[in-house]
């Protein structure tokens, strides 16, 4: 199989040369070790030959370094002469290394330990391997068969594939390459030349003749890339770059600096200031195209990432909104802080139950859609009222509504606020349907200690438990339609001035006789 063309030949030759560098450096390293060992063992008669091996190894490494550096610049017409010189230059130190190593090996045959002999064996093996590579690289330089290479080199490098990757068409590399590019240069001819070249590549180009006009263009339009000159009269490129990176709206726009300055300090300063790349004038068209397309491709990926992050943020806000609608803010904060079990005892809490009077016959009479719509309207009003009175809605249970005040944040006026809520709930029902078709509810309120906590993993709920809850529920079930019935405990907890009408002592199941009042 012959090498395909000049590029492939050069690629393979460079590859082989790089493979030679390893053994050549190993020879030099083992020679230094041998020199140290010989001195330690007092083998002074070997030092001269070991130093000759070192000199040859240094010369060999120098040849290989130049071979790698100069390979691309080797003129094709000098190939035969270069091959001959190459063989000679590489073989001379290799032969010296092999010759002196064999001489020392003979002298060291009876020595103990065997370290010297083992290291000399490594040097000889590396030198023999390099001799084979010399033949291979010389053969490649005048176009011989690829079989001249060692099998591992044939398998290790597919020069044709490398060529295809390096010189694939632009469409293959960047199928959607068109971008919106702002060219900023104070020299008109430079702007014109660069703009025409970019438009031919399929980009949309806008120009600016100064740093200030560039900022004005950025205010008016969005761009995918800026090509920014450094030396401009009113505002230099680095100042413009600093302004861009200081503004959130422009920070993500990539910038390639363009300049006649090729000092490393200028390049470093621009990269530190936030530039994505640096090109020196006059431009190499191939390099210009590659850098622009690469930068635009990165910009497209960043844009996609930005859109994904926005979508994630939107979903997060929606999830946060849902969880705040379900749970009190304090409980959400504790969950987000990592608390897994939330359970608290509160000594002073007021619990409210509201239930629709005669709901079963109403449900049987109304069409389902009407029933659900009316329930939703009523409970939605109750939800708004709990917010207004800073009372926590706990849950709805069928046609009943449960609320609590004093949890999860203790409150001194819990009884007043929950009584105010109850009055507002009754007023909202009276105002909604004055024609007699409205829901009528009974409301019961009791105050005392409760345990509150978060239960469940699916459809979880912040709930309350305890005798206070049971008494409030029974005060509601034995209450009066369109009235708020409170217990003696709640009456004592009230701080405001309320009109209360003593009703009677109710015999509550499991509780006993309880004094009650109607709030007027």
Protein backbone atom coordinates (compact mmCIF):
# COMPACT_ATOMS: atom_id res chain seq x y z
CA UNK A 1 0.00 0.00 0.00
CA UNK A 2 1.60 3.22 -1.08
CA UNK A 3 1.35 6.51 0.75
CA UNK A 4 -1.46 8.56 -0.86
CA UNK A 5 0.01 12.01 -1.39
CA UNK A 6 2.49 14.54 -0.09
CA UNK A 7 0.42 15.45 2.97
CA UNK A 8 -0.03 11.83 3.97
CA UNK A 9 3.67 11.13 3.44
CA UNK A 10 4.64 14.11 5.59
CA UNK A 11 2.15 13.12 8.29
CA UNK A 12 3.52 9.59 8.47
CA UNK A 13 7.13 10.79 8.43
CA UNK A 14 6.44 13.23 11.27
CA UNK A 15 4.67 10.51 13.18
CA UNK A 16 7.66 8.18 12.81
CA UNK A 17 10.06 10.97 13.81
CA UNK A 18 8.03 11.58 16.96
CA UNK A 19 8.16 7.87 17.70
CA UNK A 20 11.95 8.08 17.44
CA UNK A 21 12.15 10.79 20.07
CA UNK A 22 11.13 8.43 22.90
CA UNK A 23 13.90 5.81 22.50
CA UNK A 24 16.49 8.54 21.82
CA UNK A 25 15.63 10.28 25.09
CA UNK A 26 15.65 6.91 26.87
CA UNK A 27 19.21 6.24 25.65
CA UNK A 28 20.35 9.59 27.05
CA UNK A 29 18.62 8.96 30.37
CA UNK A 30 20.09 5.47 30.83
CA UNK A 31 23.54 6.75 29.87
CA UNK A 32 23.35 9.28 32.72
CA UNK A 33 22.34 6.51 35.13
CA UNK A 34 25.19 4.30 33.95
CA UNK A 35 27.65 7.14 34.41
CA UNK A 36 26.54 7.63 38.00
CA UNK A 37 26.70 3.88 38.72
CA UNK A 38 30.19 3.57 37.24
CA UNK A 39 31.44 6.40 39.43
CA UNK A 40 29.80 4.87 42.51
CA UNK A 41 31.40 1.47 41.76
CA UNK A 42 34.81 3.00 41.04
CA UNK A 43 34.80 1.78 37.41
CA UNK A 44 36.78 4.77 36.20
CA UNK A 45 38.05 2.92 33.11
CA UNK A 46 34.47 2.91 31.73
CA UNK A 47 33.78 6.61 32.20
CA UNK A 48 35.35 7.75 28.93
CA UNK A 49 33.28 5.33 26.84
CA UNK A 50 30.11 6.19 28.74
CA UNK A 51 30.70 9.87 28.08
CA UNK A 52 31.13 9.07 24.39
CA UNK A 53 27.74 7.33 24.48
CA UNK A 54 26.32 10.43 26.13
CA UNK A 55 27.76 12.73 23.48
CA UNK A 56 26.34 10.53 20.71
CA UNK A 57 22.95 10.40 22.43
CA UNK A 58 22.87 14.19 22.76
CA UNK A 59 23.73 14.54 19.08
CA UNK A 60 21.00 12.02 18.15
CA UNK A 61 18.36 13.87 20.15
CA UNK A 62 19.35 17.13 18.50
CA UNK A 63 18.93 15.59 15.02
CA UNK A 64 15.52 14.21 15.91
CA UNK A 65 14.33 17.53 17.37
CA UNK A 66 15.30 19.34 14.17
CA UNK A 67 13.72 16.58 12.12
CA UNK A 68 10.37 17.12 13.86
CA UNK A 69 10.58 20.91 13.68
CA UNK A 70 11.71 21.13 10.04
CA UNK A 71 9.71 18.34 8.50
CA UNK A 72 6.97 20.51 7.04
CA UNK A 73 9.48 22.86 5.45
CA UNK A 74 11.51 20.25 3.60
CA UNK A 75 11.38 21.12 -0.15
CA UNK A 76 10.10 18.26 -2.25
CA UNK A 77 12.86 18.64 -4.90
CA UNK A 78 15.58 18.10 -2.26
CA UNK A 79 14.01 14.93 -0.94
CA UNK A 80 16.63 12.47 -2.22
CA UNK A 81 19.54 14.55 -0.95
CA UNK A 82 17.75 15.12 2.33
CA UNK A 83 17.16 11.36 2.70
CA UNK A 84 20.81 10.58 2.29
CA UNK A 85 21.83 13.24 4.79
CA UNK A 86 19.15 12.05 7.17
CA UNK A 87 20.35 8.45 7.11
CA UNK A 88 23.93 9.57 7.66
CA UNK A 89 23.13 12.02 10.43
CA UNK A 90 21.00 9.54 12.36
CA UNK A 91 23.10 6.45 11.84
CA UNK A 92 26.38 8.06 12.90
CA UNK A 93 25.48 8.62 16.55
CA UNK A 94 23.46 5.40 16.65
CA UNK A 95 26.45 3.36 15.49
CA UNK A 96 28.61 5.09 18.09
CA UNK A 97 26.07 4.31 20.81
CA UNK A 98 25.87 0.66 19.80
CA UNK A 99 29.62 0.24 19.44
CA UNK A 100 30.61 1.76 22.77
CA UNK A 101 27.75 0.02 24.56
CA UNK A 102 28.88 -3.40 23.29
CA UNK A 103 32.43 -2.66 24.37
CA UNK A 104 31.34 -1.73 27.88
CA UNK A 105 29.05 -4.76 28.01
CA UNK A 106 31.98 -7.05 27.34
CA UNK A 107 33.99 -5.38 30.08
CA UNK A 108 31.09 -5.66 32.50
CA UNK A 109 30.43 -9.36 31.87
CA UNK A 110 31.82 -10.46 35.22
CA UNK A 111 30.58 -7.55 37.29
CA UNK A 112 28.02 -7.82 40.08
CA UNK A 113 25.36 -6.67 40.42
CA UNK A 114 23.89 -6.91 36.95
CA UNK A 115 22.45 -3.39 36.89
CA UNK A 116 25.07 -2.12 34.46
CA UNK A 117 24.45 -4.97 32.03
CA UNK A 118 20.68 -4.57 32.23
CA UNK A 119 20.88 -0.84 31.52
CA UNK A 120 23.29 -1.40 28.66
CA UNK A 121 20.84 -3.96 27.25
CA UNK A 122 18.11 -1.31 27.30
CA UNK A 123 20.34 1.14 25.42
CA UNK A 124 21.25 -1.44 22.78
CA UNK A 125 17.61 -2.44 22.27
CA UNK A 126 16.55 1.19 21.88
CA UNK A 127 19.37 1.85 19.43
CA UNK A 128 18.44 -1.19 17.33
CA UNK A 129 14.83 -0.03 17.23
CA UNK A 130 15.90 3.43 16.11
CA UNK A 131 17.98 2.00 13.27
CA UNK A 132 14.81 0.40 11.87
CA UNK A 133 12.98 3.74 12.15
CA UNK A 134 15.79 5.48 10.23
CA UNK A 135 15.17 3.20 7.27
CA UNK A 136 11.43 3.74 7.47
CA UNK A 137 11.48 7.51 7.60
CA UNK A 138 14.01 7.74 4.80
CA UNK A 139 11.81 5.51 2.66
CA UNK A 140 8.76 7.63 3.26
CA UNK A 141 10.56 10.77 2.21
CA UNK A 142 10.85 9.53 -1.36
CA UNK A 143 7.38 7.99 -1.59
CA UNK A 144 8.03 4.30 -0.97
CA UNK A 145 5.47 1.87 0.37
CA UNK A 146 3.87 2.31 3.76
CA UNK A 147 4.95 -1.24 4.53
CA UNK A 148 8.41 0.24 5.17
CA UNK A 149 7.02 1.38 8.51
CA UNK A 150 6.98 -0.78 11.58
CA UNK A 151 3.63 -2.58 12.00
CA UNK A 152 2.71 -0.50 15.04
CA UNK A 153 3.24 2.71 13.04
CA UNK A 154 1.08 1.43 10.20
CA UNK A 155 -1.73 0.72 12.63
CA UNK A 156 -1.17 3.76 14.80
CA UNK A 157 -1.79 6.45 12.22
CA UNK A 158 -4.34 6.63 9.45
CA UNK A 159 -2.88 9.48 7.41
CA UNK A 160 -5.72 9.43 4.88
CA UNK A 161 -8.29 9.80 7.65
CA UNK A 162 -6.24 12.56 9.24
CA UNK A 163 -6.15 14.39 5.93
CA UNK A 164 -9.90 13.97 5.48
CA UNK A 165 -10.54 15.43 8.94
CA UNK A 166 -8.17 18.33 8.50
CA UNK A 167 -9.29 19.30 5.02
CA UNK A 168 -12.97 18.39 5.08
CA UNK A 169 -15.23 20.89 3.45
CA UNK A 170 -16.59 23.80 5.38
CA UNK A 171 -20.12 22.49 5.00
CA UNK A 172 -19.08 19.24 6.66
CA UNK A 173 -17.41 21.07 9.52
CA UNK A 174 -20.02 23.74 10.22
CA UNK A 175 -23.26 22.97 8.34
CA UNK A 176 -25.03 26.05 9.71
CA UNK A 177 -22.28 28.58 9.81
CA UNK A 178 -23.98 31.88 8.96
CA UNK A 179 -23.74 34.37 11.80
CA UNK A 180 -24.42 38.02 12.56
CA UNK A 181 -21.00 39.65 12.76
CA UNK A 182 -20.05 43.20 13.71
CA UNK A 183 -16.74 44.31 12.19
CA UNK A 184 -15.12 47.21 14.07
CA UNK A 185 -12.13 48.89 12.39
CA UNK A 186 -11.30 52.56 11.86
CA UNK A 187 -9.64 51.86 8.49
CA UNK A 188 -12.23 51.79 5.71
CA UNK A 189 -10.28 49.47 3.42
CA UNK A 190 -9.86 46.93 6.22
CA UNK A 191 -13.58 47.02 6.98
CA UNK A 192 -14.48 46.63 3.33
CA UNK A 193 -12.09 43.76 2.69
CA UNK A 194 -13.12 41.84 5.80
CA UNK A 195 -16.82 42.45 5.23
CA UNK A 196 -16.70 41.21 1.65
CA UNK A 197 -14.83 38.11 2.68
CA UNK A 198 -17.29 37.35 5.47
CA UNK A 199 -20.34 37.92 3.27
CA UNK A 200 -18.93 35.49 0.75
CA UNK A 201 -18.75 32.97 3.58
CA UNK A 202 -22.47 33.43 4.20
CA UNK A 203 -22.40 35.74 7.21
CA UNK A 204 -24.50 38.85 7.77
CA UNK A 205 -22.12 41.72 8.40
CA UNK A 206 -22.52 45.15 9.98
CA UNK A 207 -19.56 47.52 10.27
CA UNK A 208 -18.53 50.23 12.71
CA UNK A 209 -15.67 52.70 12.24
CA UNK A 210 -14.96 53.35 15.93
CA UNK A 211 -15.43 51.97 19.40
CA UNK A 212 -18.28 54.38 20.15
CA UNK A 213 -20.15 53.50 16.96
CA UNK A 214 -19.64 49.80 17.78
CA UNK A 215 -21.40 50.29 21.13
CA UNK A 216 -24.20 52.12 19.32
CA UNK A 217 -24.62 49.21 16.87
CA UNK A 218 -24.74 46.78 19.78
CA UNK A 219 -27.52 48.81 21.37
CA UNK A 220 -29.56 48.61 18.18
CA UNK A 221 -28.98 45.00 17.13
CA UNK A 222 -27.95 41.58 18.39
CA UNK A 223 -24.74 39.97 17.11
CA UNK A 224 -23.20 36.51 17.31
CA UNK A 225 -19.62 37.74 17.05
CA UNK A 226 -17.49 40.90 17.11
CA UNK A 227 -14.29 41.32 15.14
CA UNK A 228 -12.69 44.17 17.05
CA UNK A 229 -9.63 46.19 16.06
CA UNK A 230 -7.30 47.24 18.89
CA UNK A 231 -5.83 50.49 17.60
CA UNK A 232 -8.63 53.02 17.11
CA UNK A 233 -8.56 56.77 17.80
CA UNK A 234 -11.56 57.51 20.03
CA UNK A 235 -11.78 54.32 22.06
CA UNK A 236 -9.30 51.49 21.66
CA UNK A 237 -10.35 47.88 21.31
CA UNK A 238 -9.43 46.88 24.85
CA UNK A 239 -11.60 49.70 26.24
CA UNK A 240 -14.49 48.55 24.06
CA UNK A 241 -13.91 44.97 25.21
CA UNK A 242 -14.01 46.04 28.85
CA UNK A 243 -17.32 47.85 28.28
CA UNK A 244 -18.79 44.75 26.65
CA UNK A 245 -17.78 42.42 29.46
CA UNK A 246 -19.11 44.84 32.08
CA UNK A 247 -22.64 44.78 30.60
CA UNK A 248 -24.88 41.74 31.19
CA UNK A 249 -26.60 42.21 27.82
CA UNK A 250 -23.28 42.03 25.89
CA UNK A 251 -21.11 39.85 28.10
CA UNK A 252 -22.01 36.63 26.28
CA UNK A 253 -21.17 37.98 22.79
CA UNK A 254 -17.83 36.45 21.71
CA UNK A 255 -15.07 38.81 20.57
CA UNK A 256 -12.12 38.10 18.28
CA UNK A 257 -9.49 40.84 18.46
CA UNK A 258 -7.89 41.84 15.16
CA UNK A 259 -4.65 43.77 15.07
CA UNK A 260 -1.34 44.31 13.39
CA UNK A 261 0.28 43.85 16.81
CA UNK A 262 1.72 40.40 17.19
CA UNK A 263 3.46 40.87 20.53
CA UNK A 264 2.64 38.21 23.10
CA UNK A 265 1.87 40.95 25.65
CA UNK A 266 -0.90 42.37 23.43
CA UNK A 267 -2.44 38.94 22.91
CA UNK A 268 -2.25 38.14 26.63
CA UNK A 269 -3.81 41.49 27.59
CA UNK A 270 -6.77 40.94 25.24
CA UNK A 271 -7.37 37.38 26.46
CA UNK A 272 -7.25 38.61 30.07
CA UNK A 273 -9.78 41.31 29.20
CA UNK A 274 -12.21 38.68 27.93
CA UNK A 275 -11.45 38.22 24.24
CA UNK A 276 -12.16 34.78 22.84
CA UNK A 277 -9.42 34.82 20.23
CA UNK A 278 -6.78 36.99 18.59
CA UNK A 279 -5.89 37.34 14.91
CA UNK A 280 -3.04 39.32 13.46
CA UNK A 281 -3.18 41.27 10.22
CA UNK A 282 -2.83 40.42 7.38
CA UNK A 283 -5.25 37.53 7.87
CA UNK A 284 -4.71 34.04 6.64
CA UNK A 285 -8.13 33.36 5.04
CA UNK A 286 -8.20 29.71 6.09
CA UNK A 287 -7.25 30.54 9.66
CA UNK A 288 -9.76 33.41 9.72
CA UNK A 289 -12.57 31.14 8.53
CA UNK A 290 -11.68 28.40 11.00
CA UNK A 291 -11.51 30.76 13.99
CA UNK A 292 -14.78 32.52 13.11
CA UNK A 293 -16.67 29.29 12.50
CA UNK A 294 -15.31 27.73 15.66
CA UNK A 295 -16.29 30.79 17.72
CA UNK A 296 -19.76 30.89 16.18
CA UNK A 297 -20.25 27.21 16.90
CA UNK A 298 -19.34 27.77 20.55
CA UNK A 299 -21.76 30.72 20.63
CA UNK A 300 -24.56 28.50 19.30
CA UNK A 301 -23.89 25.94 22.02
CA UNK A 302 -23.85 28.68 24.64
CA UNK A 303 -27.16 30.01 23.31
CA UNK A 304 -28.65 26.53 23.54
CA UNK A 305 -27.34 26.18 27.07
CA UNK A 306 -28.77 29.58 27.96
CA UNK A 307 -32.20 28.58 26.60
CA UNK A 308 -32.10 25.31 28.54
CA UNK A 309 -31.17 27.16 31.72
CA UNK A 310 -34.04 29.62 31.18
CA UNK A 311 -36.42 26.71 30.70
CA UNK A 312 -35.13 25.05 33.86
CA UNK A 313 -35.50 28.32 35.77
CA UNK A 314 -39.08 28.73 34.52
CA UNK A 315 -39.94 25.19 35.61
CA UNK A 316 -38.29 25.80 38.97
CA UNK A 317 -40.32 28.97 39.51
CA UNK A 318 -43.48 27.05 38.58
CA UNK A 319 -42.60 24.24 41.01
CA UNK A 320 -41.81 26.76 43.76
CA UNK A 321 -45.11 28.49 43.14
CA UNK A 322 -46.98 25.19 43.43
CA UNK A 323 -45.27 24.15 46.62
CA UNK A 324 -45.86 27.58 48.19
CA UNK A 325 -49.55 27.22 47.30
CA UNK A 326 -49.65 23.91 49.16
CA UNK A 327 -47.46 24.61 52.19
CA UNK A 328 -46.76 27.58 54.48
CA UNK A 329 -43.68 29.58 53.50
CA UNK A 330 -41.87 28.67 56.72
CA UNK A 331 -42.36 24.95 56.05
CA UNK A 332 -41.11 25.32 52.47
CA UNK A 333 -38.00 27.10 53.75
CA UNK A 334 -37.32 24.27 56.22
CA UNK A 335 -37.79 21.64 53.51
CA UNK A 336 -35.41 23.49 51.21
CA UNK A 337 -32.99 23.73 54.12
CA UNK A 338 -32.81 19.94 54.23
CA UNK A 339 -35.20 19.10 57.09
CA UNK A 340 -36.79 15.74 56.42
CA UNK A 341 -39.16 15.38 59.38
CA UNK A 342 -41.17 18.45 60.34
CA UNK A 343 -43.27 18.11 63.50
CA UNK A 344 -43.87 20.84 66.12
CA UNK A 345 -46.00 21.33 69.21
CA UNK A 346 -47.86 24.63 69.64
CA UNK A 347 -49.57 25.60 72.92
CA UNK A 348 -51.79 28.42 71.68
CA UNK A 349 -53.58 27.81 68.39
CA UNK A 350 -57.09 28.42 67.11
CA UNK A 351 -58.71 25.88 64.79
CA UNK A 352 -61.67 26.61 62.49
CA UNK A 353 -64.00 24.18 60.76
CA UNK A 354 -66.66 25.30 58.27
CA UNK A 355 -69.15 22.89 56.75
CA UNK A 356 -72.03 23.30 54.30
CA UNK A 357 -75.48 22.76 55.76
CA UNK A 358 -77.49 20.12 53.89
CA UNK A 359 -74.80 19.40 51.38
CA UNK A 360 -75.95 15.86 50.42
CA UNK A 361 -79.35 16.93 49.01
CA UNK A 362 -77.68 19.87 47.24
CA UNK A 363 -75.14 17.53 45.64
CA UNK A 364 -77.88 15.18 44.53
CA UNK A 365 -79.87 18.02 42.95
CA UNK A 366 -77.13 19.90 41.08
CA UNK A 367 -75.35 18.69 37.93
CA UNK A 368 -71.76 17.68 38.82
CA UNK A 369 -70.21 20.54 36.86
CA UNK A 370 -72.40 23.11 38.61
CA UNK A 371 -71.67 21.58 42.00
CA UNK A 372 -67.91 21.60 41.48
CA UNK A 373 -68.01 25.14 40.06
CA UNK A 374 -69.93 26.44 43.10
CA UNK A 375 -67.64 24.63 45.55
CA UNK A 376 -64.59 25.97 43.75
CA UNK A 377 -65.97 29.51 43.84
CA UNK A 378 -66.70 29.30 47.57
CA UNK A 379 -63.39 27.70 48.57
CA UNK A 380 -61.44 30.10 46.37
CA UNK A 381 -63.00 33.01 48.25
CA UNK A 382 -62.17 31.33 51.55
CA UNK A 383 -58.54 30.91 50.38
CA UNK A 384 -58.28 34.63 49.64
CA UNK A 385 -59.77 35.48 53.02
CA UNK A 386 -57.24 33.29 54.86
CA UNK A 387 -54.47 35.29 53.19
CA UNK A 388 -56.11 38.58 54.14
CA UNK A 389 -56.46 37.55 57.79
CA UNK A 390 -53.03 35.79 57.86
CA UNK A 391 -54.55 32.45 58.74
CA UNK A 392 -53.20 29.13 57.42
CA UNK A 393 -55.59 27.09 55.33
CA UNK A 394 -55.02 23.46 56.31
CA UNK A 395 -57.20 21.55 53.85
CA UNK A 396 -60.66 20.91 52.47
CA UNK A 397 -62.39 17.69 53.47
CA UNK A 398 -65.27 17.06 51.11
CA UNK A 399 -67.52 20.08 51.61
CA UNK A 400 -65.72 21.12 54.83
CA UNK A 401 -62.99 23.72 55.17
CA UNK A 402 -60.30 23.67 57.87
CA UNK A 403 -58.01 26.53 58.89
CA UNK A 404 -55.65 27.29 61.77
CA UNK A 405 -54.04 30.40 63.24
CA UNK A 406 -50.91 30.39 65.39
CA UNK A 407 -49.03 27.84 63.24
CA UNK A 408 -46.40 27.47 61.97
CA UNK A 409 -45.60 30.91 63.38
CA UNK A 410 -47.01 31.51 66.89
CA UNK A 411 -49.32 34.49 67.12
CA UNK A 412 -50.69 36.30 70.18
CA UNK A 413 -53.93 37.32 68.40
CA UNK A 414 -54.65 33.92 66.85
CA UNK A 415 -58.19 33.81 68.24
CA UNK A 416 -59.11 37.31 67.01
CA UNK A 417 -57.81 36.67 63.50
CA UNK A 418 -59.56 33.35 63.09
CA UNK A 419 -62.88 34.79 64.39
CA UNK A 420 -62.46 37.67 61.94
CA UNK A 421 -61.88 35.13 59.18
CA UNK A 422 -65.04 33.25 60.13
CA UNK A 423 -67.12 36.44 60.01
CA UNK A 424 -65.65 37.30 56.58
CA UNK A 425 -66.47 33.82 55.29
CA UNK A 426 -70.13 34.19 56.25
CA UNK A 427 -70.29 37.68 54.71
CA UNK A 428 -68.77 36.43 51.46
CA UNK A 429 -71.51 33.80 51.15
CA UNK A 430 -74.29 36.30 51.89
CA UNK A 431 -72.91 38.76 49.33
CA UNK A 432 -72.46 36.08 46.65
CA UNK A 433 -76.09 34.96 46.23
CA UNK A 434 -78.81 37.09 47.81
CA UNK A 435 -81.52 35.06 46.04
CA UNK A 436 -81.54 32.24 48.56
CA UNK A 437 -79.65 29.71 46.39
CA UNK A 438 -76.39 30.26 48.21
CA UNK A 439 -74.51 27.75 50.36
CA UNK A 440 -75.09 28.07 54.09
CA UNK A 441 -72.33 26.99 56.46
CA UNK A 442 -71.81 26.26 60.15
CA UNK A 443 -68.52 27.38 61.67
CA UNK A 444 -66.94 26.08 64.85
CA UNK A 445 -63.77 27.43 66.52
CA UNK A 446 -61.76 26.15 69.47
CA UNK A 447 -58.37 27.21 70.86
CA UNK A 448 -55.68 25.16 72.57
CA UNK A 449 -52.55 23.10 72.00
CA UNK A 450 -51.93 21.09 68.81
CA UNK A 451 -49.21 19.11 67.11
CA UNK A 452 -48.50 20.20 63.55
CA UNK A 453 -46.32 18.53 60.95
CA UNK A 454 -45.74 17.48 57.39
CA UNK A 455 -46.90 14.01 56.38
CA UNK A 456 -46.76 11.99 53.19
CA UNK A 457 -44.36 11.76 50.29
CA UNK A 458 -46.95 12.00 47.53
CA UNK A 459 -49.60 14.73 47.77
CA UNK A 460 -48.12 15.62 51.17
CA UNK A 461 -49.98 17.94 53.50
CA UNK A 462 -49.20 20.15 56.46
CA UNK A 463 -51.71 18.96 59.04
CA UNK A 464 -52.61 19.44 62.73
CA UNK A 465 -53.66 16.92 65.37
CA UNK A 466 -54.92 16.91 68.95
CA UNK A 467 -58.03 17.38 71.08
CA UNK A 468 -58.25 21.03 70.04
CA UNK A 469 -58.91 19.88 66.49
CA UNK A 470 -61.58 17.41 67.60
CA UNK A 471 -63.41 19.99 69.73
CA UNK A 472 -63.39 22.55 66.90
CA UNK A 473 -64.87 19.95 64.58
CA UNK A 474 -67.66 19.09 67.02
CA UNK A 475 -68.43 22.76 67.67
CA UNK A 476 -68.99 23.06 63.94
CA UNK A 477 -71.17 19.94 63.69
CA UNK A 478 -73.36 21.16 66.57
CA UNK A 479 -73.31 24.73 65.42
CA UNK A 480 -75.96 27.02 63.93
CA UNK A 481 -76.27 27.72 60.18
CA UNK A 482 -74.80 31.09 59.15
CA UNK A 483 -73.27 31.49 62.61
CA UNK A 484 -69.84 31.22 64.22
CA UNK A 485 -69.77 29.11 67.35
CA UNK A 486 -66.74 29.38 69.63
CA UNK A 487 -65.69 27.61 72.83
CA UNK A 488 -64.98 29.11 76.25
CA UNK A 489 -61.26 28.63 75.56
CA UNK A 490 -61.48 30.72 72.42
CA UNK A 491 -63.52 33.38 74.22
CA UNK A 492 -60.75 33.67 76.83
CA UNK A 493 -58.13 33.91 74.12
CA UNK A 494 -59.86 36.82 72.35
CA UNK A 495 -58.17 40.19 72.82
CA UNK A 496 -60.49 42.34 70.72
CA UNK A 497 -64.00 43.48 71.52
CA UNK A 498 -66.48 41.04 70.03
CA UNK A 499 -70.19 40.72 70.55
CA UNK A 500 -70.71 37.25 71.97
CA UNK A 501 -73.98 35.58 72.78
CA UNK A 502 -73.81 32.73 75.27
CA UNK A 503 -75.57 29.78 73.78
CA UNK A 504 -75.56 26.79 76.04
CA UNK A 505 -73.30 24.13 77.45
CA UNK A 506 -73.04 21.48 74.74
CA UNK A 507 -72.34 17.86 75.59
CA UNK A 508 -69.59 17.11 73.07
CA UNK A 509 -68.93 13.45 72.34
CA UNK A 510 -65.76 12.30 74.09
CA UNK A 511 -65.27 15.76 75.59
CA UNK A 512 -68.16 16.44 77.92
CA UNK A 513 -70.07 19.63 78.59
CA UNK A 514 -68.53 22.67 76.96
CA UNK A 515 -69.64 26.26 77.24
CA UNK A 516 -70.19 27.83 73.83
CA UNK A 517 -70.87 31.29 72.37
CA UNK A 518 -72.18 32.61 69.08
CA UNK A 519 -70.27 35.52 67.57
CA UNK A 520 -72.70 38.26 66.52
